[in-house]
Every structure is written in structure tokens, then in C-alpha cells.
Amino acid sequence: MSEPLFHMIADGPRPVAPFSHAVETDGWVILTGQMPTDPAAPDASLSEGIEAQTRRVVENLRIVLEGVGLDLSHVVQCRCYLTAFERDYAAFNDTYQSYFPEDRRPARTTVGVTALAVGALVEIDCLARRPA
């Protein structure tokens, strides 16, 4: 097993807690859950609504993936957290699925939670695999 690499992406979202954007070992890349904050304006208010926040979260995941030389096609698993599960689940799914081809969707778990950092409606973390 190789030593883990701890990645902080220069243009990535500003961390809302003490963490690395991604940690890599043996071809596996584990991305920290991303929030719907704008890397270009980290102190700006969050976008309104689950669709806009989901798009921002996935864009932040893309930034981190690109920072380690990967993209969404390398994602094999996602964990998604929603603060208003019953209200937002269908709209979240509509937005989320637009990022992955139907025949290449990652494994996924989605759970309802009572709160998320920065007052977000959604957070997504993921696991990616570097091509052999």
C-alpha cells in the first residue's frame, strides 16, 4: 500500500473545516464533501434552492477532481446529504442525474440530515478511481 497523498487544490473551494480536498492512495481518490460555496466568492450568500446548490456542489467536486487530474467519469461512489429530504429529493435527483450518463452512474447513498455546514441544503462527497 502506498503512502497517502493529501491534496489541497489551489483554486478549490475554501474549506469550511480542517480537511484536505482529497486524499489519494493506491489509485483511489476520496473527495471531502463539498458545499455549495463559490470558490470565486467564498463569503457570498449561498444560491437559493436545491437545484442551484446541487449544481454548485457538483461544480466544486469537478474543480477538486480536475485538480488531481480526474473528472466525473472517474467517480465510482457518491454520498449525498439533504437537509430537507422529502421536499428536495426529487428535484435533487433531477439535477444530479444530469451530470452522469445513464449507463455510468456511480453507486450512491442519499440521506436526510438535520443540518449541514454553512446552512447548506446539500453536501456530496465521493470516491473516484484513477485508471490503471
C-alpha atoms as a PDB file:
ATOM      1  CA  MET A   1       0.000   0.000   0.000  1.00  0.00           C
ATOM      2  CA  SER A   2       1.351   3.394  -0.969  1.00  0.00           C
ATOM      3  CA  GLU A   3       1.581   6.360   1.359  1.00  0.00           C
ATOM      4  CA  PRO A   4      -1.486   8.599   1.091  1.00  0.00           C
ATOM      5  CA  LEU A   5      -1.242  11.881  -0.785  1.00  0.00           C
ATOM      6  CA  PHE A   6      -3.128  14.784   0.752  1.00  0.00           C
ATOM      7  CA  HIS A   7      -4.365  17.237  -1.884  1.00  0.00           C
ATOM      8  CA  MET A   8      -5.331  20.865  -1.426  1.00  0.00           C
ATOM      9  CA  ILE A   9      -6.477  22.364  -4.731  1.00  0.00           C
ATOM     10  CA  ALA A  10      -5.239  25.948  -5.176  1.00  0.00           C
ATOM     11  CA  ASP A  11      -8.397  27.130  -6.958  1.00  0.00           C
ATOM     12  CA  GLY A  12     -10.662  24.837  -4.972  1.00  0.00           C
ATOM     13  CA  PRO A  13     -13.417  25.818  -2.594  1.00  0.00           C
ATOM     14  CA  ARG A  14     -12.274  27.329   0.687  1.00  0.00           C
ATOM     15  CA  PRO A  15     -12.516  24.627   3.372  1.00  0.00           C
ATOM     16  CA  VAL A  16     -15.276  25.119   5.944  1.00  0.00           C
ATOM     17  CA  ALA A  17     -13.447  22.816   8.402  1.00  0.00           C
ATOM     18  CA  PRO A  18      -9.938  21.369   8.817  1.00  0.00           C
ATOM     19  CA  PHE A  19      -9.612  18.867   5.939  1.00  0.00           C
ATOM     20  CA  SER A  20      -7.870  18.113   2.663  1.00  0.00           C
ATOM     21  CA  HIS A  21      -9.882  18.492  -0.549  1.00  0.00           C
ATOM     22  CA  ALA A  22      -8.907  14.923  -1.438  1.00  0.00           C
ATOM     23  CA  VAL A  23      -6.784  12.074  -0.179  1.00  0.00           C
ATOM     24  CA  GLU A  24      -5.310   9.544  -2.591  1.00  0.00           C
ATOM     25  CA  THR A  25      -3.898   6.089  -2.030  1.00  0.00           C
ATOM     26  CA  ASP A  26      -3.342   3.138  -4.366  1.00  0.00           C
ATOM     27  CA  GLY A  27      -5.329   4.758  -7.193  1.00  0.00           C
ATOM     28  CA  TRP A  28      -8.319   5.598  -5.001  1.00  0.00           C
ATOM     29  CA  VAL A  29      -9.182   9.274  -4.541  1.00  0.00           C
ATOM     30  CA  ILE A  30     -11.511  10.183  -1.685  1.00  0.00           C
ATOM     31  CA  LEU A  31     -13.051  13.644  -2.020  1.00  0.00           C
ATOM     32  CA  THR A  32     -14.228  15.557   1.016  1.00  0.00           C
ATOM     33  CA  GLY A  33     -17.882  16.526   0.960  1.00  0.00           C
ATOM     34  CA  GLN A  34     -18.337  19.735  -0.969  1.00  0.00           C
ATOM     35  CA  MET A  35     -20.625  22.579  -0.021  1.00  0.00           C
ATOM     36  CA  PRO A  36     -22.467  24.945  -2.379  1.00  0.00           C
ATOM     37  CA  THR A  37     -19.998  27.770  -1.787  1.00  0.00           C
ATOM     38  CA  ASP A  38     -18.500  29.679  -4.700  1.00  0.00           C
ATOM     39  CA  PRO A  39     -14.702  29.352  -4.811  1.00  0.00           C
ATOM     40  CA  ALA A  40     -14.516  32.774  -6.503  1.00  0.00           C
ATOM     41  CA  ALA A  41     -16.621  34.402  -3.745  1.00  0.00           C
ATOM     42  CA  PRO A  42     -16.387  32.192  -0.656  1.00  0.00           C
ATOM     43  CA  ASP A  43     -18.144  34.707   1.610  1.00  0.00           C
ATOM     44  CA  ALA A  44     -21.097  35.259  -0.738  1.00  0.00           C
ATOM     45  CA  SER A  45     -24.555  34.034   0.208  1.00  0.00           C
ATOM     46  CA  LEU A  46     -25.452  30.543  -0.947  1.00  0.00           C
ATOM     47  CA  SER A  47     -27.606  30.141  -4.044  1.00  0.00           C
ATOM     48  CA  GLU A  48     -31.309  29.695  -3.384  1.00  0.00           C
ATOM     49  CA  GLY A  49     -32.916  26.295  -3.881  1.00  0.00           C
ATOM     50  CA  ILE A  50     -31.795  22.708  -4.120  1.00  0.00           C
ATOM     51  CA  GLU A  51     -31.183  22.766  -7.878  1.00  0.00           C
ATOM     52  CA  ALA A  52     -28.768  25.708  -7.770  1.00  0.00           C
ATOM     53  CA  GLN A  53     -26.997  24.378  -4.692  1.00  0.00           C
ATOM     54  CA  THR A  54     -26.660  20.912  -6.238  1.00  0.00           C
ATOM     55  CA  ARG A  55     -25.129  22.395  -9.393  1.00  0.00           C
ATOM     56  CA  ARG A  56     -22.633  24.397  -7.307  1.00  0.00           C
ATOM     57  CA  VAL A  57     -21.692  21.335  -5.229  1.00  0.00           C
ATOM     58  CA  VAL A  58     -21.079  19.213  -8.348  1.00  0.00           C
ATOM     59  CA  GLU A  59     -19.072  22.032  -9.917  1.00  0.00           C
ATOM     60  CA  ASN A  60     -16.940  22.141  -6.764  1.00  0.00           C
ATOM     61  CA  LEU A  61     -16.423  18.390  -6.982  1.00  0.00           C
ATOM     62  CA  ARG A  62     -15.340  18.884 -10.614  1.00  0.00           C
ATOM     63  CA  ILE A  63     -12.798  21.509  -9.543  1.00  0.00           C
ATOM     64  CA  VAL A  64     -11.278  19.130  -6.999  1.00  0.00           C
ATOM     65  CA  LEU A  65     -11.291  16.220  -9.459  1.00  0.00           C
ATOM     66  CA  GLU A  66      -9.643  18.343 -12.158  1.00  0.00           C
ATOM     67  CA  GLY A  67      -7.067  19.446  -9.595  1.00  0.00           C
ATOM     68  CA  VAL A  68      -5.941  15.820  -9.256  1.00  0.00           C
ATOM     69  CA  GLY A  69      -6.181  15.076 -12.990  1.00  0.00           C
ATOM     70  CA  LEU A  70      -9.587  13.344 -12.979  1.00  0.00           C
ATOM     71  CA  ASP A  71     -13.179  14.143 -13.916  1.00  0.00           C
ATOM     72  CA  LEU A  72     -16.699  12.957 -13.084  1.00  0.00           C
ATOM     73  CA  SER A  73     -16.265   9.861 -15.263  1.00  0.00           C
ATOM     74  CA  HIS A  74     -13.827   8.530 -12.647  1.00  0.00           C
ATOM     75  CA  VAL A  75     -16.352   8.757  -9.792  1.00  0.00           C
ATOM     76  CA  VAL A  76     -17.499   5.329  -8.602  1.00  0.00           C
ATOM     77  CA  GLN A  77     -19.492   6.255  -5.487  1.00  0.00           C
ATOM     78  CA  CYS A  78     -21.243   9.305  -4.001  1.00  0.00           C
ATOM     79  CA  ARG A  79     -22.765  10.017  -0.628  1.00  0.00           C
ATOM     80  CA  CYS A  80     -25.319  12.784  -0.658  1.00  0.00           C
ATOM     81  CA  TYR A  81     -26.789  14.634   2.290  1.00  0.00           C
ATOM     82  CA  LEU A  82     -30.005  16.667   2.152  1.00  0.00           C
ATOM     83  CA  THR A  83     -31.397  18.839   4.944  1.00  0.00           C
ATOM     84  CA  ALA A  84     -34.948  18.808   3.550  1.00  0.00           C
ATOM     85  CA  PHE A  85     -35.056  15.260   2.226  1.00  0.00           C
ATOM     86  CA  GLU A  86     -38.772  14.879   1.495  1.00  0.00           C
ATOM     87  CA  ARG A  87     -39.091  18.339  -0.048  1.00  0.00           C
ATOM     88  CA  ASP A  88     -35.880  18.257  -2.121  1.00  0.00           C
ATOM     89  CA  TYR A  89     -35.227  14.615  -3.050  1.00  0.00           C
ATOM     90  CA  ALA A  90     -36.970  14.610  -6.452  1.00  0.00           C
ATOM     91  CA  ALA A  91     -35.512  17.952  -7.564  1.00  0.00           C
ATOM     92  CA  PHE A  92     -32.080  16.909  -6.305  1.00  0.00           C
ATOM     93  CA  ASN A  93     -32.270  13.691  -8.364  1.00  0.00           C
ATOM     94  CA  ASP A  94     -33.277  15.609 -11.492  1.00  0.00           C
ATOM     95  CA  THR A  95     -30.254  17.880 -11.182  1.00  0.00           C
ATOM     96  CA  TYR A  96     -27.790  15.198 -10.022  1.00  0.00           C
ATOM     97  CA  GLN A  97     -28.585  12.758 -12.827  1.00  0.00           C
ATOM     98  CA  SER A  98     -27.806  15.370 -15.479  1.00  0.00           C
ATOM     99  CA  TYR A  99     -24.101  15.046 -14.600  1.00  0.00           C
ATOM    100  CA  PHE A 100     -23.794  11.301 -15.202  1.00  0.00           C
ATOM    101  CA  PRO A 101     -24.688   9.235 -18.292  1.00  0.00           C
ATOM    102  CA  GLU A 102     -27.445   6.737 -17.550  1.00  0.00           C
ATOM    103  CA  ASP A 103     -25.127   3.789 -18.154  1.00  0.00           C
ATOM    104  CA  ARG A 104     -22.295   5.180 -15.946  1.00  0.00           C
ATOM    105  CA  ARG A 105     -23.931   6.422 -12.773  1.00  0.00           C
ATOM    106  CA  PRO A 106     -21.883   5.988  -9.602  1.00  0.00           C
ATOM    107  CA  ALA A 107     -23.136   3.909  -6.703  1.00  0.00           C
ATOM    108  CA  ARG A 108     -24.930   6.316  -4.379  1.00  0.00           C
ATOM    109  CA  THR A 109     -26.398   6.749  -0.937  1.00  0.00           C
ATOM    110  CA  THR A 110     -28.586   9.725  -0.089  1.00  0.00           C
ATOM    111  CA  VAL A 111     -29.604  10.537   3.456  1.00  0.00           C
ATOM    112  CA  GLY A 112     -31.588  13.223   5.188  1.00  0.00           C
ATOM    113  CA  VAL A 113     -29.736  15.150   7.875  1.00  0.00           C
ATOM    114  CA  THR A 114     -30.759  17.805  10.370  1.00  0.00           C
ATOM    115  CA  ALA A 115     -28.165  20.386   9.337  1.00  0.00           C
ATOM    116  CA  LEU A 116     -25.074  20.972   7.214  1.00  0.00           C
ATOM    117  CA  ALA A 117     -22.175  23.438   7.480  1.00  0.00           C
ATOM    118  CA  VAL A 118     -22.761  26.988   6.217  1.00  0.00           C
ATOM    119  CA  GLY A 119     -26.528  26.407   6.225  1.00  0.00           C
ATOM    120  CA  ALA A 120     -26.359  24.363   3.014  1.00  0.00           C
ATOM    121  CA  LEU A 121     -29.251  22.297   1.683  1.00  0.00           C
ATOM    122  CA  VAL A 122     -26.927  19.678   0.139  1.00  0.00           C
ATOM    123  CA  GLU A 123     -23.455  18.204   0.503  1.00  0.00           C
ATOM    124  CA  ILE A 124     -21.878  15.475  -1.634  1.00  0.00           C
ATOM    125  CA  ASP A 125     -18.692  13.507  -1.076  1.00  0.00           C
ATOM    126  CA  CYS A 126     -17.359  10.921  -3.460  1.00  0.00           C
ATOM    127  CA  LEU A 127     -14.859   8.208  -4.210  1.00  0.00           C
ATOM    128  CA  ALA A 128     -13.031   8.161  -7.530  1.00  0.00           C
ATOM    129  CA  ARG A 129     -10.665   5.638  -9.078  1.00  0.00           C
ATOM    130  CA  ARG A 130      -7.638   6.544 -11.145  1.00  0.00           C
ATOM    131  CA  PRO A 131      -7.402   4.490 -14.391  1.00  0.00           C
ATOM    132  CA  ALA A 132      -4.907   1.634 -14.181  1.00  0.00           C
END
